[in-house]
């Protein structure tokens, strides 16, 4: 159905907001089999990590924490404020700040080898505006697992060069 000519025509005309989230979930798929429970576990790990990091140096003993990943949490907070600033919905007291922060922090714990890379917040923000956070997380992780996105966000020059 994805490659059907009529489907592609409709896709390029623009997907109505009322079905956008469902259609994107179908188009992206969930090859990683990410569940709501896994999302909640990752969110909890991220929250524990933030509490530990702000409370003591014992945070360094957590499995998803090292100095690079600790920087991910700081970068997430900085980058969220720059995400569609004209909308005023992702900033510190905005209605979507916590959802976006939780999703990105959960991803940094889910993929500690990647962590957070500047610019990820824009993709996550668009997903959050169109679906619930657990579904947005599944789409986000699956999207970033694709070769092109993985090459870009892993900051691996070899992957980038060979993907082009």
C-alpha atoms as a PDB file:
ATOM      1  CA  UNK A   1       0.000   0.000   0.000  1.00  0.00           C
ATOM      2  CA  UNK A   2       2.899   2.345   0.791  1.00  0.00           C
ATOM      3  CA  UNK A   3       4.156   2.173  -2.804  1.00  0.00           C
ATOM      4  CA  UNK A   4       0.706   2.442  -4.384  1.00  0.00           C
ATOM      5  CA  UNK A   5       0.524   5.445  -6.750  1.00  0.00           C
ATOM      6  CA  UNK A   6      -2.674   6.854  -5.193  1.00  0.00           C
ATOM      7  CA  UNK A   7      -1.210   6.569  -1.688  1.00  0.00           C
ATOM      8  CA  UNK A   8       1.861   8.505  -2.774  1.00  0.00           C
ATOM      9  CA  UNK A   9      -0.279  11.197  -4.409  1.00  0.00           C
ATOM     10  CA  UNK A  10      -2.302  11.648  -1.227  1.00  0.00           C
ATOM     11  CA  UNK A  11       0.870  11.658   0.861  1.00  0.00           C
ATOM     12  CA  UNK A  12       2.398  14.504  -1.166  1.00  0.00           C
ATOM     13  CA  UNK A  13      -0.824  16.542  -1.045  1.00  0.00           C
ATOM     14  CA  UNK A  14      -0.533  16.626   2.720  1.00  0.00           C
ATOM     15  CA  UNK A  15      -1.874  14.394   5.431  1.00  0.00           C
ATOM     16  CA  UNK A  16      -4.794  15.848   7.435  1.00  0.00           C
ATOM     17  CA  UNK A  17      -3.827  16.477  11.076  1.00  0.00           C
ATOM     18  CA  UNK A  18      -6.580  14.176  12.377  1.00  0.00           C
ATOM     19  CA  UNK A  19      -4.922  11.095  10.817  1.00  0.00           C
ATOM     20  CA  UNK A  20      -1.302  12.247  10.665  1.00  0.00           C
ATOM     21  CA  UNK A  21      -0.121  10.420  13.795  1.00  0.00           C
ATOM     22  CA  UNK A  22      -1.741   7.118  12.848  1.00  0.00           C
ATOM     23  CA  UNK A  23      -0.446   7.302   9.302  1.00  0.00           C
ATOM     24  CA  UNK A  24       3.087   8.174  10.397  1.00  0.00           C
ATOM     25  CA  UNK A  25       3.090   5.241  12.855  1.00  0.00           C
ATOM     26  CA  UNK A  26       2.105   2.914  10.009  1.00  0.00           C
ATOM     27  CA  UNK A  27       4.662   4.408   7.623  1.00  0.00           C
ATOM     28  CA  UNK A  28       7.524   4.292  10.143  1.00  0.00           C
ATOM     29  CA  UNK A  29       6.601   0.947  11.651  1.00  0.00           C
ATOM     30  CA  UNK A  30       7.927  -0.545  14.873  1.00  0.00           C
ATOM     31  CA  UNK A  31      10.668  -2.962  13.831  1.00  0.00           C
ATOM     32  CA  UNK A  32      12.300  -2.413  17.235  1.00  0.00           C
ATOM     33  CA  UNK A  33       9.124  -3.667  18.980  1.00  0.00           C
ATOM     34  CA  UNK A  34       9.080  -0.760  21.405  1.00  0.00           C
ATOM     35  CA  UNK A  35       6.213  -1.010  23.877  1.00  0.00           C
ATOM     36  CA  UNK A  36       4.550   1.488  26.205  1.00  0.00           C
ATOM     37  CA  UNK A  37       6.188  -0.388  29.097  1.00  0.00           C
ATOM     38  CA  UNK A  38       9.664   0.011  27.601  1.00  0.00           C
ATOM     39  CA  UNK A  39       9.031   3.719  27.139  1.00  0.00           C
ATOM     40  CA  UNK A  40       7.966   4.056  30.785  1.00  0.00           C
ATOM     41  CA  UNK A  41      11.072   2.157  31.938  1.00  0.00           C
ATOM     42  CA  UNK A  42      13.321   4.460  29.907  1.00  0.00           C
ATOM     43  CA  UNK A  43      11.542   7.558  31.241  1.00  0.00           C
ATOM     44  CA  UNK A  44      11.980   6.286  34.797  1.00  0.00           C
ATOM     45  CA  UNK A  45      15.688   5.596  34.213  1.00  0.00           C
ATOM     46  CA  UNK A  46      16.144   9.075  32.814  1.00  0.00           C
ATOM     47  CA  UNK A  47      14.368  10.654  35.799  1.00  0.00           C
ATOM     48  CA  UNK A  48      16.460   8.589  38.224  1.00  0.00           C
ATOM     49  CA  UNK A  49      19.566   9.608  36.341  1.00  0.00           C
ATOM     50  CA  UNK A  50      18.695  13.302  36.563  1.00  0.00           C
ATOM     51  CA  UNK A  51      17.957  13.053  40.285  1.00  0.00           C
ATOM     52  CA  UNK A  52      21.167  11.156  40.946  1.00  0.00           C
ATOM     53  CA  UNK A  53      23.287  13.479  38.857  1.00  0.00           C
ATOM     54  CA  UNK A  54      21.969  16.547  40.628  1.00  0.00           C
ATOM     55  CA  UNK A  55      22.244  14.913  44.051  1.00  0.00           C
ATOM     56  CA  UNK A  56      25.621  13.195  44.072  1.00  0.00           C
ATOM     57  CA  UNK A  57      28.471  11.720  42.125  1.00  0.00           C
ATOM     58  CA  UNK A  58      26.992   8.228  42.672  1.00  0.00           C
ATOM     59  CA  UNK A  59      25.163   8.772  39.393  1.00  0.00           C
ATOM     60  CA  UNK A  60      28.318   7.688  37.628  1.00  0.00           C
ATOM     61  CA  UNK A  61      27.631   4.114  38.761  1.00  0.00           C
ATOM     62  CA  UNK A  62      24.334   3.928  36.861  1.00  0.00           C
ATOM     63  CA  UNK A  63      24.484   1.678  33.778  1.00  0.00           C
ATOM     64  CA  UNK A  64      23.327   4.295  31.280  1.00  0.00           C
ATOM     65  CA  UNK A  65      25.560   7.047  32.605  1.00  0.00           C
ATOM     66  CA  UNK A  66      29.033   8.094  31.667  1.00  0.00           C
ATOM     67  CA  UNK A  67      30.517  11.547  31.203  1.00  0.00           C
ATOM     68  CA  UNK A  68      29.397  11.808  27.556  1.00  0.00           C
ATOM     69  CA  UNK A  69      25.834  10.755  28.360  1.00  0.00           C
ATOM     70  CA  UNK A  70      25.680  13.080  31.345  1.00  0.00           C
ATOM     71  CA  UNK A  71      26.330  15.840  28.828  1.00  0.00           C
ATOM     72  CA  UNK A  72      23.360  14.548  26.836  1.00  0.00           C
ATOM     73  CA  UNK A  73      20.971  15.550  29.613  1.00  0.00           C
ATOM     74  CA  UNK A  74      22.408  19.055  29.751  1.00  0.00           C
ATOM     75  CA  UNK A  75      22.292  19.386  25.968  1.00  0.00           C
ATOM     76  CA  UNK A  76      18.656  18.225  25.914  1.00  0.00           C
ATOM     77  CA  UNK A  77      17.624  21.003  28.289  1.00  0.00           C
ATOM     78  CA  UNK A  78      19.529  23.593  26.287  1.00  0.00           C
ATOM     79  CA  UNK A  79      18.273  22.379  22.915  1.00  0.00           C
ATOM     80  CA  UNK A  80      14.596  22.132  23.892  1.00  0.00           C
ATOM     81  CA  UNK A  81      14.457  25.875  24.471  1.00  0.00           C
ATOM     82  CA  UNK A  82      15.568  26.342  20.845  1.00  0.00           C
ATOM     83  CA  UNK A  83      12.935  23.980  19.442  1.00  0.00           C
ATOM     84  CA  UNK A  84      10.344  25.942  17.484  1.00  0.00           C
ATOM     85  CA  UNK A  85      10.716  28.928  19.860  1.00  0.00           C
ATOM     86  CA  UNK A  86       8.080  30.950  17.981  1.00  0.00           C
ATOM     87  CA  UNK A  87       5.419  28.420  19.041  1.00  0.00           C
ATOM     88  CA  UNK A  88       6.197  28.941  22.767  1.00  0.00           C
ATOM     89  CA  UNK A  89       5.027  25.398  23.597  1.00  0.00           C
ATOM     90  CA  UNK A  90       8.340  23.605  24.122  1.00  0.00           C
ATOM     91  CA  UNK A  91       9.976  26.198  26.353  1.00  0.00           C
ATOM     92  CA  UNK A  92      10.487  25.607  30.089  1.00  0.00           C
ATOM     93  CA  UNK A  93       6.915  26.413  31.187  1.00  0.00           C
ATOM     94  CA  UNK A  94       5.230  25.449  27.933  1.00  0.00           C
ATOM     95  CA  UNK A  95       2.610  22.694  27.702  1.00  0.00           C
ATOM     96  CA  UNK A  96       4.857  20.285  25.764  1.00  0.00           C
ATOM     97  CA  UNK A  97       8.172  20.895  27.548  1.00  0.00           C
ATOM     98  CA  UNK A  98       7.957  17.918  29.915  1.00  0.00           C
ATOM     99  CA  UNK A  99       6.752  15.515  27.213  1.00  0.00           C
ATOM    100  CA  UNK A 100       9.578  16.477  24.873  1.00  0.00           C
ATOM    101  CA  UNK A 101      12.168  16.406  27.642  1.00  0.00           C
ATOM    102  CA  UNK A 102      10.999  12.979  28.837  1.00  0.00           C
ATOM    103  CA  UNK A 103      11.031  11.509  25.338  1.00  0.00           C
ATOM    104  CA  UNK A 104      14.540  12.775  24.550  1.00  0.00           C
ATOM    105  CA  UNK A 105      15.955  11.773  27.934  1.00  0.00           C
ATOM    106  CA  UNK A 106      14.339   8.336  27.592  1.00  0.00           C
ATOM    107  CA  UNK A 107      15.967   7.942  24.183  1.00  0.00           C
ATOM    108  CA  UNK A 108      19.375   8.894  25.616  1.00  0.00           C
ATOM    109  CA  UNK A 109      18.947   6.046  28.127  1.00  0.00           C
ATOM    110  CA  UNK A 110      17.511   3.668  25.519  1.00  0.00           C
ATOM    111  CA  UNK A 111      20.462   4.278  23.180  1.00  0.00           C
ATOM    112  CA  UNK A 112      23.386   5.321  25.405  1.00  0.00           C
ATOM    113  CA  UNK A 113      25.725   4.670  22.474  1.00  0.00           C
ATOM    114  CA  UNK A 114      24.019   7.541  20.638  1.00  0.00           C
ATOM    115  CA  UNK A 115      22.763   9.651  23.541  1.00  0.00           C
ATOM    116  CA  UNK A 116      21.355  12.992  22.483  1.00  0.00           C
ATOM    117  CA  UNK A 117      22.601  14.881  19.449  1.00  0.00           C
ATOM    118  CA  UNK A 118      21.684  18.481  18.747  1.00  0.00           C
ATOM    119  CA  UNK A 119      18.682  18.735  16.446  1.00  0.00           C
ATOM    120  CA  UNK A 120      16.925  15.550  17.558  1.00  0.00           C
ATOM    121  CA  UNK A 121      14.439  17.707  19.433  1.00  0.00           C
ATOM    122  CA  UNK A 122      12.872  18.969  16.198  1.00  0.00           C
ATOM    123  CA  UNK A 123      11.997  15.465  14.995  1.00  0.00           C
ATOM    124  CA  UNK A 124      10.698  14.468  18.429  1.00  0.00           C
ATOM    125  CA  UNK A 125       8.665  17.682  18.736  1.00  0.00           C
ATOM    126  CA  UNK A 126       6.842  17.095  15.455  1.00  0.00           C
ATOM    127  CA  UNK A 127       6.026  13.542  16.543  1.00  0.00           C
ATOM    128  CA  UNK A 128       4.786  14.663  19.979  1.00  0.00           C
ATOM    129  CA  UNK A 129       2.463  17.195  18.370  1.00  0.00           C
ATOM    130  CA  UNK A 130       0.797  14.388  16.428  1.00  0.00           C
ATOM    131  CA  UNK A 131       0.701  11.397  18.801  1.00  0.00           C
ATOM    132  CA  UNK A 132       0.941  10.338  22.435  1.00  0.00           C
ATOM    133  CA  UNK A 133       4.449  10.238  23.958  1.00  0.00           C
ATOM    134  CA  UNK A 134       4.819   6.410  23.981  1.00  0.00           C
ATOM    135  CA  UNK A 135       3.900   6.224  20.291  1.00  0.00           C
ATOM    136  CA  UNK A 136       6.113   9.215  19.519  1.00  0.00           C
ATOM    137  CA  UNK A 137       9.013   7.491  21.315  1.00  0.00           C
ATOM    138  CA  UNK A 138       8.519   4.290  19.305  1.00  0.00           C
ATOM    139  CA  UNK A 139       8.409   6.242  16.036  1.00  0.00           C
ATOM    140  CA  UNK A 140      11.405   8.363  17.051  1.00  0.00           C
ATOM    141  CA  UNK A 141      13.558   5.349  17.974  1.00  0.00           C
ATOM    142  CA  UNK A 142      12.556   3.436  14.847  1.00  0.00           C
ATOM    143  CA  UNK A 143      13.180   6.449  12.635  1.00  0.00           C
ATOM    144  CA  UNK A 144      16.623   7.052  14.122  1.00  0.00           C
ATOM    145  CA  UNK A 145      17.426   3.374  13.695  1.00  0.00           C
ATOM    146  CA  UNK A 146      17.192   3.672   9.905  1.00  0.00           C
ATOM    147  CA  UNK A 147      20.551   3.768   8.100  1.00  0.00           C
ATOM    148  CA  UNK A 148      20.454   7.405   6.992  1.00  0.00           C
ATOM    149  CA  UNK A 149      19.369   8.774  10.369  1.00  0.00           C
ATOM    150  CA  UNK A 150      21.630   6.385  12.273  1.00  0.00           C
ATOM    151  CA  UNK A 151      24.611   7.571  10.221  1.00  0.00           C
ATOM    152  CA  UNK A 152      23.787  11.206  10.844  1.00  0.00           C
ATOM    153  CA  UNK A 153      23.017  11.017  14.556  1.00  0.00           C
ATOM    154  CA  UNK A 154      25.710   8.525  15.508  1.00  0.00           C
ATOM    155  CA  UNK A 155      28.289  11.088  14.371  1.00  0.00           C
ATOM    156  CA  UNK A 156      30.164   8.206  12.734  1.00  0.00           C
ATOM    157  CA  UNK A 157      32.037   9.650   9.767  1.00  0.00           C
ATOM    158  CA  UNK A 158      32.469   6.204   8.171  1.00  0.00           C
ATOM    159  CA  UNK A 159      28.706   5.588   8.176  1.00  0.00           C
ATOM    160  CA  UNK A 160      28.014   9.067   6.800  1.00  0.00           C
ATOM    161  CA  UNK A 161      30.517   8.670   3.987  1.00  0.00           C
ATOM    162  CA  UNK A 162      29.311   5.207   3.005  1.00  0.00           C
ATOM    163  CA  UNK A 163      25.631   6.124   3.183  1.00  0.00           C
ATOM    164  CA  UNK A 164      25.964   8.926   0.642  1.00  0.00           C
END
